[in-house]
C-alpha atoms as a PDB file:
ATOM      1  CA  MET A   1      -1.906   7.415 -14.698  1.00  0.00           C
ATOM      2  CA  ALA A   2      -3.426   5.353 -11.863  1.00  0.00           C
ATOM      3  CA  ILE A   3      -6.275   6.617  -9.502  1.00  0.00           C
ATOM      4  CA  ALA A   4      -7.750   5.075  -6.291  1.00  0.00           C
ATOM      5  CA  ILE A   5     -11.391   5.311  -6.107  1.00  0.00           C
ATOM      6  CA  TRP A   6     -14.001   4.829  -3.384  1.00  0.00           C
ATOM      7  CA  ASN A   7     -17.727   5.643  -3.128  1.00  0.00           C
ATOM      8  CA  ASP A   8     -17.203   7.435  -6.493  1.00  0.00           C
ATOM      9  CA  GLU A   9     -14.784   9.559  -5.348  1.00  0.00           C
ATOM     10  CA  VAL A  10     -11.164  10.101  -6.516  1.00  0.00           C
ATOM     11  CA  LEU A  11      -8.809   9.438  -3.485  1.00  0.00           C
ATOM     12  CA  ALA A  12      -5.442   9.692  -5.302  1.00  0.00           C
ATOM     13  CA  GLU A  13      -4.068  10.328  -8.854  1.00  0.00           C
ATOM     14  CA  SER A  14      -0.473   9.943 -10.082  1.00  0.00           C
ATOM     15  CA  ASP A  15       1.726   8.568 -12.585  1.00  0.00           C
ATOM     16  CA  ASP A  16       4.455   7.814 -10.241  1.00  0.00           C
ATOM     17  CA  ILE A  17       3.151   4.614  -8.562  1.00  0.00           C
ATOM     18  CA  VAL A  18       5.407   2.137  -6.778  1.00  0.00           C
ATOM     19  CA  TYR A  19       4.070  -1.686  -7.043  1.00  0.00           C
ATOM     20  CA  LEU A  20       4.999  -3.809  -4.103  1.00  0.00           C
ATOM     21  CA  GLU A  21       3.506  -7.355  -3.160  1.00  0.00           C
ATOM     22  CA  GLY A  22       0.606  -6.602  -5.366  1.00  0.00           C
ATOM     23  CA  ASN A  23      -0.471  -3.105  -3.845  1.00  0.00           C
ATOM     24  CA  ALA A  24      -0.159   0.171  -5.806  1.00  0.00           C
ATOM     25  CA  TYR A  25       1.843   2.550  -3.488  1.00  0.00           C
ATOM     26  CA  PHE A  26       0.708   6.387  -4.249  1.00  0.00           C
ATOM     27  CA  PRO A  27       2.835   9.473  -3.441  1.00  0.00           C
ATOM     28  CA  ARG A  28       1.411  10.916  -0.084  1.00  0.00           C
ATOM     29  CA  ALA A  29       1.480  14.250  -2.153  1.00  0.00           C
ATOM     30  CA  SER A  30      -1.064  12.814  -4.559  1.00  0.00           C
ATOM     31  CA  LEU A  31      -3.683  11.821  -2.049  1.00  0.00           C
ATOM     32  CA  ARG A  32      -6.774  14.173  -1.654  1.00  0.00           C
ATOM     33  CA  GLN A  33      -6.045  15.213   2.065  1.00  0.00           C
ATOM     34  CA  ASP A  34      -9.317  16.439   2.953  1.00  0.00           C
ATOM     35  CA  LEU A  35     -10.923  12.904   2.557  1.00  0.00           C
ATOM     36  CA  PHE A  36      -8.320  11.155   4.915  1.00  0.00           C
ATOM     37  CA  GLU A  37      -8.243  10.909   8.708  1.00  0.00           C
ATOM     38  CA  GLU A  38      -5.380   9.266  10.695  1.00  0.00           C
ATOM     39  CA  SER A  39      -6.348   6.044  12.490  1.00  0.00           C
ATOM     40  CA  ALA A  40      -4.923   4.553  15.905  1.00  0.00           C
ATOM     41  CA  HIS A  41      -4.546   1.327  14.189  1.00  0.00           C
ATOM     42  CA  ARG A  42      -1.014  -0.187  13.739  1.00  0.00           C
ATOM     43  CA  SER A  43       0.480  -3.317  12.278  1.00  0.00           C
ATOM     44  CA  ILE A  44       3.833  -4.674  11.789  1.00  0.00           C
ATOM     45  CA  CYS A  45       5.405  -6.364   8.505  1.00  0.00           C
ATOM     46  CA  PRO A  46       8.574  -8.539   9.202  1.00  0.00           C
ATOM     47  CA  TRP A  47      10.407  -6.811   6.295  1.00  0.00           C
ATOM     48  CA  LYS A  48       8.818  -3.713   5.781  1.00  0.00           C
ATOM     49  CA  GLY A  49       8.701  -2.259   9.200  1.00  0.00           C
ATOM     50  CA  SER A  50       5.578  -0.765  11.173  1.00  0.00           C
ATOM     51  CA  ALA A  51       2.269   0.260   9.157  1.00  0.00           C
ATOM     52  CA  ASN A  52       0.050   3.257  10.268  1.00  0.00           C
ATOM     53  CA  TYR A  53      -3.639   3.446   8.816  1.00  0.00           C
ATOM     54  CA  LEU A  54      -5.872   5.999   7.362  1.00  0.00           C
ATOM     55  CA  HIS A  55      -9.553   6.248   7.339  1.00  0.00           C
ATOM     56  CA  VAL A  56     -11.063   7.453   4.166  1.00  0.00           C
ATOM     57  CA  VAL A  57     -14.283   9.394   4.369  1.00  0.00           C
ATOM     58  CA  VAL A  58     -16.442  10.237   1.487  1.00  0.00           C
ATOM     59  CA  ASN A  59     -19.697  11.973   1.325  1.00  0.00           C
ATOM     60  CA  GLY A  60     -20.467  11.099   5.001  1.00  0.00           C
ATOM     61  CA  LYS A  61     -19.561   7.448   4.672  1.00  0.00           C
ATOM     62  CA  ARG A  62     -16.379   6.184   6.380  1.00  0.00           C
ATOM     63  CA  ASN A  63     -13.928   3.409   5.490  1.00  0.00           C
ATOM     64  CA  GLU A  64     -11.933   2.458   8.470  1.00  0.00           C
ATOM     65  CA  ASP A  65      -8.543   1.727   8.027  1.00  0.00           C
ATOM     66  CA  ALA A  66      -8.544   1.469   4.152  1.00  0.00           C
ATOM     67  CA  ALA A  67      -5.295   2.953   3.578  1.00  0.00           C
ATOM     68  CA  TRP A  68      -1.717   2.389   5.081  1.00  0.00           C
ATOM     69  CA  TYR A  69       1.676   3.666   4.880  1.00  0.00           C
ATOM     70  CA  TYR A  70       4.963   3.094   6.470  1.00  0.00           C
ATOM     71  CA  PRO A  71       6.311   6.301   8.268  1.00  0.00           C
ATOM     72  CA  ASP A  72       9.689   4.883   8.756  1.00  0.00           C
ATOM     73  CA  PRO A  73      10.160   1.585   6.350  1.00  0.00           C
ATOM     74  CA  SER A  74      13.139  -0.371   6.460  1.00  0.00           C
ATOM     75  CA  VAL A  75      16.131  -0.258   4.250  1.00  0.00           C
ATOM     76  CA  LEU A  76      14.671  -2.856   2.064  1.00  0.00           C
ATOM     77  CA  ALA A  77      11.269  -1.199   1.820  1.00  0.00           C
ATOM     78  CA  ARG A  78      12.680   2.376   0.988  1.00  0.00           C
ATOM     79  CA  LYS A  79      10.994   2.546  -2.294  1.00  0.00           C
ATOM     80  CA  ILE A  80       7.756   2.780  -0.260  1.00  0.00           C
ATOM     81  CA  THR A  81       8.928   5.870   1.653  1.00  0.00           C
ATOM     82  CA  ASP A  82       6.230   8.657   1.749  1.00  0.00           C
ATOM     83  CA  ARG A  83       3.680   6.370  -0.120  1.00  0.00           C
ATOM     84  CA  VAL A  84       0.252   5.227   1.019  1.00  0.00           C
ATOM     85  CA  ALA A  85      -1.530   1.886  -0.629  1.00  0.00           C
ATOM     86  CA  PHE A  86      -5.251   0.981  -0.271  1.00  0.00           C
ATOM     87  CA  TRP A  87      -7.663  -1.963   0.460  1.00  0.00           C
ATOM     88  CA  GLN A  88     -10.897  -2.475   1.938  1.00  0.00           C
ATOM     89  CA  GLY A  89     -12.905  -1.993  -1.331  1.00  0.00           C
ATOM     90  CA  VAL A  90     -10.820   1.102  -2.584  1.00  0.00           C
ATOM     91  CA  GLU A  91     -10.483   0.272  -6.409  1.00  0.00           C
ATOM     92  CA  ILE A  92      -7.111   1.081  -8.126  1.00  0.00           C
ATOM     93  CA  GLN A  93      -7.516   1.887 -12.197  1.00  0.00           C
ATOM     94  CA  ASP A  94      -4.104   1.850 -13.852  1.00  0.00           C
ATOM     95  CA  SER A  95      -3.893   2.003 -17.826  1.00  0.00           C
ATOM     96  CA  ARG A  96      -0.613   0.505 -17.498  1.00  0.00           C
ATOM     97  CA  ARG A  97      -1.299  -2.475 -15.364  1.00  0.00           C
ATOM     98  CA  ARG A  98      -4.379  -4.781 -14.432  1.00  0.00           C
ATOM     99  CA  LEU A  99      -4.854  -4.732 -10.763  1.00  0.00           C
ATOM    100  CA  SER A 100      -6.827  -6.628  -7.960  1.00  0.00           C
ATOM    101  CA  ALA A 101      -7.758  -5.592  -4.844  1.00  0.00           C
ATOM    102  CA  GLY A 102      -5.257  -4.881  -2.116  1.00  0.00           C
ATOM    103  CA  THR A 103      -4.329  -7.101   0.785  1.00  0.00           C
ATOM    104  CA  GLU A 104      -3.988  -6.155   4.333  1.00  0.00           C
ATOM    105  CA  PRO A 105      -0.332  -5.650   4.970  1.00  0.00           C
ATOM    106  CA  GLU A 106       0.276  -7.738   8.221  1.00  0.00           C
ATOM    107  CA  GLU A 107      -1.190 -10.866   5.968  1.00  0.00           C
ATOM    108  CA  LYS A 108       2.140 -10.410   3.684  1.00  0.00           C
ATOM    109  CA  THR A 109       4.463 -12.879   5.295  1.00  0.00           C
ATOM    110  CA  SER A 110       6.328 -14.222   2.129  1.00  0.00           C
ATOM    111  CA  ILE A 111       8.403 -12.206  -0.331  1.00  0.00           C
ATOM    112  CA  ARG A 112       7.106 -12.514  -3.954  1.00  0.00           C
ATOM    113  CA  GLY A 113      10.303 -11.187  -5.682  1.00  0.00           C
ATOM    114  CA  GLU A 114       8.801  -8.023  -6.675  1.00  0.00           C
ATOM    115  CA  THR A 115      11.553  -5.369  -5.453  1.00  0.00           C
ATOM    116  CA  ASP A 116      15.094  -5.144  -6.604  1.00  0.00           C
ATOM    117  CA  GLU A 117      16.068  -6.372  -3.155  1.00  0.00           C
ATOM    118  CA  TRP A 118      14.430  -9.526  -3.044  1.00  0.00           C
ATOM    119  CA  HIS A 119      14.873 -10.404  -6.840  1.00  0.00           C
ATOM    120  CA  GLY A 120      15.081 -14.201  -6.999  1.00  0.00           C
ATOM    121  CA  TYR A 121      12.945 -15.243  -4.249  1.00  0.00           C
ATOM    122  CA  LEU A 122       9.988 -17.123  -4.523  1.00  0.00           C
ATOM    123  CA  SER A 123       6.639 -17.013  -2.441  1.00  0.00           C
ATOM    124  CA  SER A 124       6.167 -20.074  -0.444  1.00  0.00           C
ATOM    125  CA  SER A 125       4.482 -21.042   2.893  1.00  0.00           C
ATOM    126  CA  ARG A 126       7.917 -20.430   4.847  1.00  0.00           C
ATOM    127  CA  LYS A 127       9.563 -17.099   5.520  1.00  0.00           C
ATOM    128  CA  HIS A 128      12.722 -16.001   3.629  1.00  0.00           C
ATOM    129  CA  GLU A 129      15.718 -14.435   5.244  1.00  0.00           C
ATOM    130  CA  PRO A 130      17.499 -11.815   2.886  1.00  0.00           C
ATOM    131  CA  ARG A 131      20.826 -12.653   1.497  1.00  0.00           C
ATOM    132  CA  LEU A 132      23.317 -10.278   2.885  1.00  0.00           C
END
């Protein structure tokens, strides 16, 4: 079971987590919808597509753009369809894995071989193109 926590409040909880580039992607349906607001902020990942953001609001405190999702991910990132990841101090606890804080999606410029589609590629300072 994995949970996302901020300001001592559980934001999401699920056994169905997809890990990609060191981030835990929760099913959108597992989020406590009352704690989230849509953000106007957007970013683009070269291989996943355009990311939308959500603000987290707990007990009157707002964590701007603390969650992101890809409404229409690329074919290579289809595993994160209808899933949300976190950063900005949101703690992820997973009894199956030891996790560190998330990283903003647009900072992810190298492929780390963590998906089946990208298996075999290594992180480096240069961008990799998929072998088709």
